[in-house]
C-alpha atoms as a PDB file:
ATOM      1  CA  MET A   1     240.758 142.132   4.043  1.00  0.00           C
ATOM      2  CA  LYS A   2     240.503 139.039   1.876  1.00  0.00           C
ATOM      3  CA  LYS A   3     237.512 136.759   1.993  1.00  0.00           C
ATOM      4  CA  ASN A   4     237.842 133.026   2.479  1.00  0.00           C
ATOM      5  CA  LYS A   5     239.211 131.292  -0.570  1.00  0.00           C
ATOM      6  CA  THR A   6     237.173 128.676  -2.380  1.00  0.00           C
ATOM      7  CA  ARG A   7     238.460 125.176  -3.049  1.00  0.00           C
ATOM      8  CA  PHE A   8     238.866 126.173  -6.669  1.00  0.00           C
ATOM      9  CA  ALA A   9     241.084 129.083  -5.606  1.00  0.00           C
ATOM     10  CA  LEU A  10     243.304 126.805  -3.527  1.00  0.00           C
ATOM     11  CA  LEU A  11     243.559 124.299  -6.369  1.00  0.00           C
ATOM     12  CA  TYR A  12     244.295 127.088  -8.842  1.00  0.00           C
ATOM     13  CA  GLU A  13     247.129 128.416  -6.683  1.00  0.00           C
ATOM     14  CA  LYS A  14     248.740 124.969  -6.650  1.00  0.00           C
ATOM     15  CA  THR A  15     248.434 124.378 -10.385  1.00  0.00           C
ATOM     16  CA  LEU A  16     247.854 127.303 -12.748  1.00  0.00           C
ATOM     17  CA  GLU A  17     248.689 130.510 -10.924  1.00  0.00           C
ATOM     18  CA  ARG A  18     252.331 130.425 -12.027  1.00  0.00           C
ATOM     19  CA  ILE A  19     251.086 130.436 -15.608  1.00  0.00           C
ATOM     20  CA  ILE A  20     248.205 132.927 -15.348  1.00  0.00           C
ATOM     21  CA  PRO A  21     247.520 135.199 -12.348  1.00  0.00           C
ATOM     22  CA  LYS A  22     244.017 134.699 -10.955  1.00  0.00           C
ATOM     23  CA  TYR A  23     242.870 138.175 -11.950  1.00  0.00           C
ATOM     24  CA  GLY A  24     243.703 137.403 -15.585  1.00  0.00           C
ATOM     25  CA  PHE A  25     242.326 133.874 -15.856  1.00  0.00           C
ATOM     26  CA  PHE A  26     238.775 134.493 -17.105  1.00  0.00           C
ATOM     27  CA  SER A  27     239.608 137.655 -19.014  1.00  0.00           C
ATOM     28  CA  VAL A  28     242.342 136.026 -21.098  1.00  0.00           C
ATOM     29  CA  ILE A  29     240.067 133.083 -21.885  1.00  0.00           C
ATOM     30  CA  PHE A  30     237.389 135.549 -22.932  1.00  0.00           C
ATOM     31  CA  CYS A  31     239.830 137.114 -25.412  1.00  0.00           C
ATOM     32  CA  PHE A  32     239.716 133.925 -27.453  1.00  0.00           C
ATOM     33  CA  VAL A  33     236.041 133.157 -26.771  1.00  0.00           C
ATOM     34  CA  PHE A  34     234.962 136.642 -27.851  1.00  0.00           C
ATOM     35  CA  ASN A  35     237.121 136.372 -30.956  1.00  0.00           C
ATOM     36  CA  SER A  36     235.346 133.157 -31.956  1.00  0.00           C
ATOM     37  CA  LEU A  37     231.911 134.608 -31.207  1.00  0.00           C
ATOM     38  CA  ILE A  38     232.544 137.644 -33.394  1.00  0.00           C
ATOM     39  CA  TYR A  39     234.129 135.707 -36.237  1.00  0.00           C
ATOM     40  CA  THR A  40     231.605 132.873 -36.377  1.00  0.00           C
ATOM     41  CA  GLY A  41     228.569 134.953 -35.443  1.00  0.00           C
ATOM     42  CA  THR A  42     229.101 137.500 -38.199  1.00  0.00           C
ATOM     43  CA  GLN A  43     229.594 134.724 -40.754  1.00  0.00           C
ATOM     44  CA  ILE A  44     226.114 133.491 -39.881  1.00  0.00           C
ATOM     45  CA  VAL A  45     224.634 136.998 -40.041  1.00  0.00           C
ATOM     46  CA  ILE A  46     226.096 137.787 -43.487  1.00  0.00           C
ATOM     47  CA  SER A  47     225.761 134.315 -45.004  1.00  0.00           C
ATOM     48  CA  GLY A  48     223.261 135.529 -47.602  1.00  0.00           C
ATOM     49  CA  ALA A  49     224.742 138.978 -48.182  1.00  0.00           C
ATOM     50  CA  ARG A  50     226.671 140.153 -51.197  1.00  0.00           C
ATOM     51  CA  HIS A  51     230.417 139.811 -50.609  1.00  0.00           C
ATOM     52  CA  PHE A  52     233.019 142.098 -52.170  1.00  0.00           C
ATOM     53  CA  ASP A  53     236.372 141.018 -53.573  1.00  0.00           C
ATOM     54  CA  LEU A  54     239.026 143.631 -52.734  1.00  0.00           C
ATOM     55  CA  THR A  55     241.754 141.970 -54.817  1.00  0.00           C
ATOM     56  CA  THR A  56     244.218 144.332 -56.498  1.00  0.00           C
ATOM     57  CA  ASP A  57     246.840 143.791 -59.207  1.00  0.00           C
ATOM     58  CA  ALA A  58     249.476 143.840 -56.460  1.00  0.00           C
ATOM     59  CA  ASP A  59     247.685 140.970 -54.725  1.00  0.00           C
ATOM     60  CA  ARG A  60     247.545 138.955 -57.928  1.00  0.00           C
ATOM     61  CA  ALA A  61     251.302 139.414 -58.336  1.00  0.00           C
ATOM     62  CA  ILE A  62     251.989 137.714 -54.990  1.00  0.00           C
ATOM     63  CA  PRO A  63     252.752 134.013 -55.573  1.00  0.00           C
ATOM     64  CA  PHE A  64     250.873 131.183 -53.887  1.00  0.00           C
ATOM     65  CA  ILE A  65     253.380 129.389 -51.611  1.00  0.00           C
ATOM     66  CA  PRO A  66     251.788 126.562 -49.568  1.00  0.00           C
ATOM     67  CA  ALA A  67     254.811 126.239 -47.239  1.00  0.00           C
ATOM     68  CA  TRP A  68     253.711 129.434 -45.504  1.00  0.00           C
ATOM     69  CA  ALA A  69     250.860 127.403 -43.998  1.00  0.00           C
ATOM     70  CA  PHE A  70     253.263 126.428 -41.202  1.00  0.00           C
ATOM     71  CA  VAL A  71     253.567 130.061 -40.124  1.00  0.00           C
ATOM     72  CA  TYR A  72     249.875 130.715 -40.645  1.00  0.00           C
ATOM     73  CA  LEU A  73     248.949 127.891 -38.255  1.00  0.00           C
ATOM     74  CA  GLY A  74     251.921 128.363 -35.935  1.00  0.00           C
ATOM     75  CA  CYS A  75     250.674 131.792 -34.968  1.00  0.00           C
ATOM     76  CA  PHE A  76     248.007 130.240 -32.720  1.00  0.00           C
ATOM     77  CA  LEU A  77     250.732 129.077 -30.328  1.00  0.00           C
ATOM     78  CA  PHE A  78     252.392 132.496 -30.623  1.00  0.00           C
ATOM     79  CA  TRP A  79     249.133 134.188 -29.637  1.00  0.00           C
ATOM     80  CA  ALA A  80     248.603 131.948 -26.620  1.00  0.00           C
ATOM     81  CA  VAL A  81     252.144 132.460 -25.308  1.00  0.00           C
ATOM     82  CA  ASN A  82     252.116 136.236 -25.675  1.00  0.00           C
ATOM     83  CA  TYR A  83     248.645 136.746 -24.252  1.00  0.00           C
ATOM     84  CA  ILE A  84     249.544 134.648 -21.219  1.00  0.00           C
ATOM     85  CA  LEU A  85     252.791 136.594 -20.922  1.00  0.00           C
ATOM     86  CA  MET A  86     250.832 139.841 -20.864  1.00  0.00           C
ATOM     87  CA  THR A  87     248.632 138.684 -17.985  1.00  0.00           C
ATOM     88  CA  HIS A  88     251.761 138.918 -15.832  1.00  0.00           C
ATOM     89  CA  ARG A  89     251.791 142.688 -16.137  1.00  0.00           C
ATOM     90  CA  LYS A  90     250.215 144.701 -13.357  1.00  0.00           C
ATOM     91  CA  LYS A  91     246.505 144.045 -13.100  1.00  0.00           C
ATOM     92  CA  GLU A  92     245.529 147.477 -14.434  1.00  0.00           C
ATOM     93  CA  GLU A  93     247.926 147.183 -17.380  1.00  0.00           C
ATOM     94  CA  TRP A  94     246.591 143.770 -18.293  1.00  0.00           C
ATOM     95  CA  PHE A  95     243.015 145.023 -18.383  1.00  0.00           C
ATOM     96  CA  GLN A  96     244.060 148.005 -20.477  1.00  0.00           C
ATOM     97  CA  PHE A  97     245.431 145.533 -23.004  1.00  0.00           C
ATOM     98  CA  ALA A  98     242.339 143.312 -22.743  1.00  0.00           C
ATOM     99  CA  ALA A  99     240.074 146.328 -23.255  1.00  0.00           C
ATOM    100  CA  GLY A 100     241.882 147.147 -26.486  1.00  0.00           C
ATOM    101  CA  ASP A 101     241.630 143.526 -27.558  1.00  0.00           C
ATOM    102  CA  TYR A 102     237.866 143.343 -26.981  1.00  0.00           C
ATOM    103  CA  LEU A 103     237.332 146.699 -28.689  1.00  0.00           C
ATOM    104  CA  SER A 104     239.258 145.540 -31.753  1.00  0.00           C
ATOM    105  CA  ARG A 105     236.946 142.544 -32.185  1.00  0.00           C
ATOM    106  CA  MET A 106     233.835 144.688 -31.893  1.00  0.00           C
ATOM    107  CA  ILE A 107     235.177 146.965 -34.623  1.00  0.00           C
ATOM    108  CA  CYS A 108     236.034 143.938 -36.756  1.00  0.00           C
ATOM    109  CA  GLY A 109     232.477 142.707 -36.308  1.00  0.00           C
ATOM    110  CA  VAL A 110     231.111 145.997 -37.619  1.00  0.00           C
ATOM    111  CA  PHE A 111     233.358 145.783 -40.695  1.00  0.00           C
ATOM    112  CA  PHE A 112     232.417 142.149 -41.303  1.00  0.00           C
ATOM    113  CA  VAL A 113     228.700 143.004 -41.320  1.00  0.00           C
ATOM    114  CA  LEU A 114     228.815 146.325 -43.190  1.00  0.00           C
ATOM    115  CA  LEU A 115     231.481 145.325 -45.722  1.00  0.00           C
ATOM    116  CA  PRO A 116     231.396 141.553 -46.264  1.00  0.00           C
ATOM    117  CA  THR A 117     234.464 140.462 -48.182  1.00  0.00           C
ATOM    118  CA  THR A 118     235.629 137.349 -49.981  1.00  0.00           C
ATOM    119  CA  ASN A 119     238.392 136.180 -52.281  1.00  0.00           C
ATOM    120  CA  ILE A 120     239.062 133.537 -54.913  1.00  0.00           C
ATOM    121  CA  ARG A 121     241.348 130.825 -53.645  1.00  0.00           C
ATOM    122  CA  PRO A 122     243.795 128.967 -55.905  1.00  0.00           C
ATOM    123  CA  LYS A 123     243.470 125.280 -56.667  1.00  0.00           C
ATOM    124  CA  VAL A 124     245.712 123.103 -54.520  1.00  0.00           C
ATOM    125  CA  LEU A 125     247.016 120.289 -56.712  1.00  0.00           C
ATOM    126  CA  GLY A 126     249.923 118.651 -54.862  1.00  0.00           C
ATOM    127  CA  ASN A 127     250.007 116.198 -51.968  1.00  0.00           C
ATOM    128  CA  SER A 128     252.865 117.547 -49.860  1.00  0.00           C
ATOM    129  CA  LEU A 129     252.396 118.237 -46.156  1.00  0.00           C
ATOM    130  CA  SER A 130     252.179 121.980 -46.744  1.00  0.00           C
ATOM    131  CA  GLU A 131     249.544 121.506 -49.432  1.00  0.00           C
ATOM    132  CA  GLU A 132     247.539 119.232 -47.165  1.00  0.00           C
ATOM    133  CA  LEU A 133     247.709 121.943 -44.505  1.00  0.00           C
ATOM    134  CA  ILE A 134     246.418 124.479 -47.011  1.00  0.00           C
ATOM    135  CA  ARG A 135     243.485 122.209 -47.786  1.00  0.00           C
ATOM    136  CA  PHE A 136     242.824 121.898 -44.064  1.00  0.00           C
ATOM    137  CA  ILE A 137     242.880 125.693 -43.662  1.00  0.00           C
ATOM    138  CA  TYR A 138     240.541 126.171 -46.618  1.00  0.00           C
ATOM    139  CA  ARG A 139     238.111 123.561 -45.266  1.00  0.00           C
ATOM    140  CA  MET A 140     238.068 125.023 -41.757  1.00  0.00           C
ATOM    141  CA  ASP A 141     238.009 128.712 -42.701  1.00  0.00           C
ATOM    142  CA  ALA A 142     235.532 130.060 -45.249  1.00  0.00           C
ATOM    143  CA  PRO A 143     236.799 132.842 -47.547  1.00  0.00           C
ATOM    144  CA  THR A 144     234.846 135.525 -45.694  1.00  0.00           C
ATOM    145  CA  ASN A 145     235.484 138.051 -42.896  1.00  0.00           C
ATOM    146  CA  LEU A 146     238.739 139.091 -44.521  1.00  0.00           C
ATOM    147  CA  PHE A 147     238.761 142.859 -43.936  1.00  0.00           C
ATOM    148  CA  PRO A 148     240.439 143.579 -41.584  1.00  0.00           C
ATOM    149  CA  SER A 149     242.577 140.498 -41.002  1.00  0.00           C
ATOM    150  CA  ILE A 150     242.170 139.162 -37.466  1.00  0.00           C
ATOM    151  CA  HIS A 151     245.277 137.045 -38.019  1.00  0.00           C
ATOM    152  CA  CYS A 152     247.326 140.190 -38.577  1.00  0.00           C
ATOM    153  CA  LEU A 153     245.490 142.190 -35.917  1.00  0.00           C
ATOM    154  CA  VAL A 154     246.138 139.673 -33.135  1.00  0.00           C
ATOM    155  CA  SER A 155     249.719 138.998 -34.204  1.00  0.00           C
ATOM    156  CA  TRP A 156     250.546 142.712 -34.116  1.00  0.00           C
ATOM    157  CA  LEU A 157     248.832 143.086 -30.733  1.00  0.00           C
ATOM    158  CA  CYS A 158     251.112 140.301 -29.479  1.00  0.00           C
ATOM    159  CA  PHE A 159     254.091 142.460 -30.373  1.00  0.00           C
ATOM    160  CA  VAL A 160     252.632 145.820 -29.365  1.00  0.00           C
ATOM    161  CA  GLY A 161     251.719 144.429 -25.943  1.00  0.00           C
ATOM    162  CA  ILE A 162     255.366 143.716 -25.070  1.00  0.00           C
ATOM    163  CA  ARG A 163     257.014 146.445 -27.151  1.00  0.00           C
ATOM    164  CA  GLY A 164     259.480 148.483 -25.113  1.00  0.00           C
ATOM    165  CA  ARG A 165     258.832 146.588 -21.875  1.00  0.00           C
ATOM    166  CA  LYS A 166     261.876 146.243 -19.633  1.00  0.00           C
ATOM    167  CA  ASP A 167     260.584 143.010 -18.071  1.00  0.00           C
ATOM    168  CA  VAL A 168     260.524 141.232 -21.466  1.00  0.00           C
ATOM    169  CA  PRO A 169     263.904 140.286 -23.000  1.00  0.00           C
ATOM    170  CA  LYS A 170     264.824 142.426 -25.987  1.00  0.00           C
ATOM    171  CA  GLN A 171     265.487 139.312 -28.031  1.00  0.00           C
ATOM    172  CA  TYR A 172     261.926 138.110 -27.508  1.00  0.00           C
ATOM    173  CA  GLN A 173     260.529 141.509 -28.417  1.00  0.00           C
ATOM    174  CA  ILE A 174     262.477 141.366 -31.685  1.00  0.00           C
ATOM    175  CA  PHE A 175     261.294 137.803 -32.301  1.00  0.00           C
ATOM    176  CA  SER A 176     257.674 138.831 -31.698  1.00  0.00           C
ATOM    177  CA  CYS A 177     257.972 141.704 -34.157  1.00  0.00           C
ATOM    178  CA  LEU A 178     259.566 139.512 -36.833  1.00  0.00           C
ATOM    179  CA  PHE A 179     257.110 136.681 -36.292  1.00  0.00           C
ATOM    180  CA  ALA A 180     254.148 139.061 -36.530  1.00  0.00           C
ATOM    181  CA  ILE A 181     255.521 140.317 -39.859  1.00  0.00           C
ATOM    182  CA  ALA A 182     255.978 136.690 -40.949  1.00  0.00           C
ATOM    183  CA  VAL A 183     252.300 136.103 -40.138  1.00  0.00           C
ATOM    184  CA  PHE A 184     251.440 139.085 -42.347  1.00  0.00           C
ATOM    185  CA  ALA A 185     253.370 137.434 -45.171  1.00  0.00           C
ATOM    186  CA  SER A 186     251.773 134.046 -44.517  1.00  0.00           C
ATOM    187  CA  THR A 187     248.270 135.449 -44.958  1.00  0.00           C
ATOM    188  CA  LEU A 188     249.295 136.743 -48.382  1.00  0.00           C
ATOM    189  CA  PHE A 189     251.283 133.746 -49.625  1.00  0.00           C
ATOM    190  CA  THR A 190     248.537 131.315 -48.574  1.00  0.00           C
ATOM    191  CA  LYS A 191     245.972 133.544 -50.316  1.00  0.00           C
ATOM    192  CA  GLN A 192     243.939 133.849 -47.149  1.00  0.00           C
ATOM    193  CA  HIS A 193     244.067 137.641 -47.213  1.00  0.00           C
ATOM    194  CA  TYR A 194     245.005 140.564 -49.374  1.00  0.00           C
ATOM    195  CA  ILE A 195     247.242 143.552 -48.756  1.00  0.00           C
ATOM    196  CA  ILE A 196     244.476 145.883 -47.573  1.00  0.00           C
ATOM    197  CA  ASP A 197     243.400 143.279 -44.983  1.00  0.00           C
ATOM    198  CA  VAL A 198     246.921 143.153 -43.558  1.00  0.00           C
ATOM    199  CA  ILE A 199     247.353 146.924 -43.375  1.00  0.00           C
ATOM    200  CA  THR A 200     243.998 147.562 -41.702  1.00  0.00           C
ATOM    201  CA  GLY A 201     244.592 144.733 -39.227  1.00  0.00           C
ATOM    202  CA  ALA A 202     247.885 146.240 -38.050  1.00  0.00           C
ATOM    203  CA  ILE A 203     246.492 149.791 -37.907  1.00  0.00           C
ATOM    204  CA  LEU A 204     243.458 148.644 -35.925  1.00  0.00           C
ATOM    205  CA  ALA A 205     245.749 146.893 -33.432  1.00  0.00           C
ATOM    206  CA  GLU A 206     247.665 150.120 -32.812  1.00  0.00           C
ATOM    207  CA  ILE A 207     244.497 152.215 -32.467  1.00  0.00           C
ATOM    208  CA  CYS A 208     242.731 149.849 -30.067  1.00  0.00           C
ATOM    209  CA  TYR A 209     245.854 149.350 -27.966  1.00  0.00           C
ATOM    210  CA  TYR A 210     246.135 153.133 -27.626  1.00  0.00           C
ATOM    211  CA  ILE A 211     242.460 153.497 -26.671  1.00  0.00           C
ATOM    212  CA  GLY A 212     242.777 150.741 -24.083  1.00  0.00           C
ATOM    213  CA  HIS A 213     245.657 152.593 -22.422  1.00  0.00           C
ATOM    214  CA  HIS A 214     244.396 156.170 -22.734  1.00  0.00           C
ATOM    215  CA  THR A 215     240.735 155.918 -21.741  1.00  0.00           C
ATOM    216  CA  LYS A 216     238.832 154.610 -18.729  1.00  0.00           C
ATOM    217  CA  TYR A 217     237.028 151.996 -20.811  1.00  0.00           C
ATOM    218  CA  TYR A 218     239.182 149.287 -19.236  1.00  0.00           C
ATOM    219  CA  GLN A 219     237.906 150.088 -15.722  1.00  0.00           C
ATOM    220  CA  TRP A 220     234.392 148.945 -16.592  1.00  0.00           C
ATOM    221  CA  ILE A 221     235.735 145.669 -17.979  1.00  0.00           C
ATOM    222  CA  MET A 222     238.023 145.171 -14.981  1.00  0.00           C
ATOM    223  CA  GLY A 223     235.076 145.691 -12.660  1.00  0.00           C
ATOM    224  CA  LYS A 224     233.023 143.010 -14.395  1.00  0.00           C
ATOM    225  CA  PHE A 225     235.797 140.449 -14.164  1.00  0.00           C
ATOM    226  CA  ASP A 226     236.490 141.406 -10.538  1.00  0.00           C
ATOM    227  CA  LYS A 227     232.916 140.407  -9.694  1.00  0.00           C
ATOM    228  CA  LEU A 228     233.343 137.093 -11.506  1.00  0.00           C
ATOM    229  CA  ASN A 229     236.670 136.455  -9.789  1.00  0.00           C
ATOM    230  CA  ARG A 230     235.182 137.129  -6.367  1.00  0.00           C
ATOM    231  CA  ARG A 231     232.432 134.610  -7.031  1.00  0.00           C
ATOM    232  CA  VAL A 232     234.781 131.899  -8.274  1.00  0.00           C
ATOM    233  CA  PHE A 233     237.858 132.428  -6.119  1.00  0.00           C
ATOM    234  CA  GLY A 234     236.072 133.727  -3.014  1.00  0.00           C
ATOM    235  CA  GLU A 235     238.438 136.642  -2.505  1.00  0.00           C
ATOM    236  CA  SER A 236     239.044 140.213  -3.577  1.00  0.00           C
ATOM    237  CA  TRP A 237     242.254 142.087  -4.190  1.00  0.00           C
ATOM    238  CA  ASP A 238     243.579 145.195  -5.821  1.00  0.00           C
ATOM    239  CA  GLU A 239     246.698 143.752  -7.376  1.00  0.00           C
ATOM    240  CA  GLU A 240     248.809 140.648  -7.178  1.00  0.00           C
END
């Protein structure tokens, strides 16, 4: 039997529930909050540590192409759309995905602290829009926390999360795969990451997605968000 709904719950049903089911609201927000906490927090922790440059000859052979900044920045919209799309799966399936997502960031945090990495960025000489975007990226994002690449990790999770799903159009699944690969390329052509960062990011996405769906780790996370949802929305449910 459901409890009385709060005013927030009634307002949410009229405005946002078509976009994000109530059970996924706080957990999907936390995906991005936790990402920022891990990324920024570890940068503070390792600010005085020795950083390693994992550049290879193959990386040096990849040209610097500023135009790829459009893809590199465009992926943020791609992430938001696909994560919201995945909240519309069954409640249990969504939290399995979220569990894998949270786990991947914790593992990234361990790598960032134990193996701090950096790279040498090229000089940006022109004044085109793409070059201005590169300067913006370089100003906003320090050349640290490169291994593994969170850009590649999240982009591949966006594809893996809808891969083979009958409720997602095949054309969009193909687009998500191709766009994730384009993001991989963008991290290389903008000299934000190197090949090893890309590979480990994609592998980590696959591993954490598998763990989220083949262990009971997600149940603990689901339980925590259920308690939060009951407090905020004033109701309880198994699935919606």
